[in-house]
């Protein structure tokens, strides 16, 4: 799973993607500071 983490002022938002390509496309679309990372853990509660 690929994770996009977006840093906005006092907030941090995280989005999960199945593929690196999906995460990179979302990263390119954001204007906020952000990173993509890979994990084998699920963000679902």
C-alpha atoms as a PDB file:
ATOM      1  CA  UNK A   1       0.000   0.000   0.000  1.00  0.00           C
ATOM      2  CA  UNK A   2       1.225   3.478  -0.868  1.00  0.00           C
ATOM      3  CA  UNK A   3       0.439   6.397   1.434  1.00  0.00           C
ATOM      4  CA  UNK A   4       0.251  10.072   0.516  1.00  0.00           C
ATOM      5  CA  UNK A   5       0.791  12.312   3.540  1.00  0.00           C
ATOM      6  CA  UNK A   6      -0.146  15.982   3.096  1.00  0.00           C
ATOM      7  CA  UNK A   7       0.989  18.617   5.602  1.00  0.00           C
ATOM      8  CA  UNK A   8      -1.388  21.597   5.903  1.00  0.00           C
ATOM      9  CA  UNK A   9      -0.822  24.273   8.542  1.00  0.00           C
ATOM     10  CA  UNK A  10      -1.933  22.473  11.734  1.00  0.00           C
ATOM     11  CA  UNK A  11      -3.289  19.371   9.972  1.00  0.00           C
ATOM     12  CA  UNK A  12      -1.830  16.184   8.538  1.00  0.00           C
ATOM     13  CA  UNK A  13      -3.947  14.197   6.076  1.00  0.00           C
ATOM     14  CA  UNK A  14      -3.173  10.675   4.883  1.00  0.00           C
ATOM     15  CA  UNK A  15      -4.561   8.860   1.847  1.00  0.00           C
ATOM     16  CA  UNK A  16      -3.890   5.268   0.837  1.00  0.00           C
ATOM     17  CA  UNK A  17      -3.442   3.932  -2.697  1.00  0.00           C
ATOM     18  CA  UNK A  18      -2.990   0.465  -4.151  1.00  0.00           C
ATOM     19  CA  UNK A  19      -0.309   1.489  -6.655  1.00  0.00           C
ATOM     20  CA  UNK A  20       2.651   3.849  -6.662  1.00  0.00           C
ATOM     21  CA  UNK A  21       1.351   5.431  -9.870  1.00  0.00           C
ATOM     22  CA  UNK A  22      -1.937   6.413  -8.181  1.00  0.00           C
ATOM     23  CA  UNK A  23      -0.052   7.947  -5.248  1.00  0.00           C
ATOM     24  CA  UNK A  24       2.313   9.855  -7.547  1.00  0.00           C
ATOM     25  CA  UNK A  25      -0.606  11.240  -9.561  1.00  0.00           C
ATOM     26  CA  UNK A  26      -2.267  12.512  -6.366  1.00  0.00           C
ATOM     27  CA  UNK A  27       1.067  13.955  -5.174  1.00  0.00           C
ATOM     28  CA  UNK A  28       1.424  15.904  -8.422  1.00  0.00           C
ATOM     29  CA  UNK A  29      -2.102  17.301  -7.975  1.00  0.00           C
ATOM     30  CA  UNK A  30      -1.507  18.766  -4.504  1.00  0.00           C
ATOM     31  CA  UNK A  31      -0.041  22.217  -3.862  1.00  0.00           C
ATOM     32  CA  UNK A  32       0.715  21.509  -0.195  1.00  0.00           C
ATOM     33  CA  UNK A  33       3.952  19.977   1.119  1.00  0.00           C
ATOM     34  CA  UNK A  34       3.542  16.197   0.842  1.00  0.00           C
ATOM     35  CA  UNK A  35       5.354  12.873   0.681  1.00  0.00           C
ATOM     36  CA  UNK A  36       4.542   9.386  -0.542  1.00  0.00           C
ATOM     37  CA  UNK A  37       5.677   6.281   1.296  1.00  0.00           C
ATOM     38  CA  UNK A  38       5.185   2.514   1.140  1.00  0.00           C
ATOM     39  CA  UNK A  39       3.922   0.313   3.957  1.00  0.00           C
ATOM     40  CA  UNK A  40       2.593  -3.188   4.459  1.00  0.00           C
ATOM     41  CA  UNK A  41       0.305  -1.944   7.252  1.00  0.00           C
ATOM     42  CA  UNK A  42      -3.307  -0.905   6.696  1.00  0.00           C
ATOM     43  CA  UNK A  43      -4.630   2.529   7.692  1.00  0.00           C
ATOM     44  CA  UNK A  44      -8.143   1.126   8.174  1.00  0.00           C
ATOM     45  CA  UNK A  45      -9.335   1.090  11.773  1.00  0.00           C
END
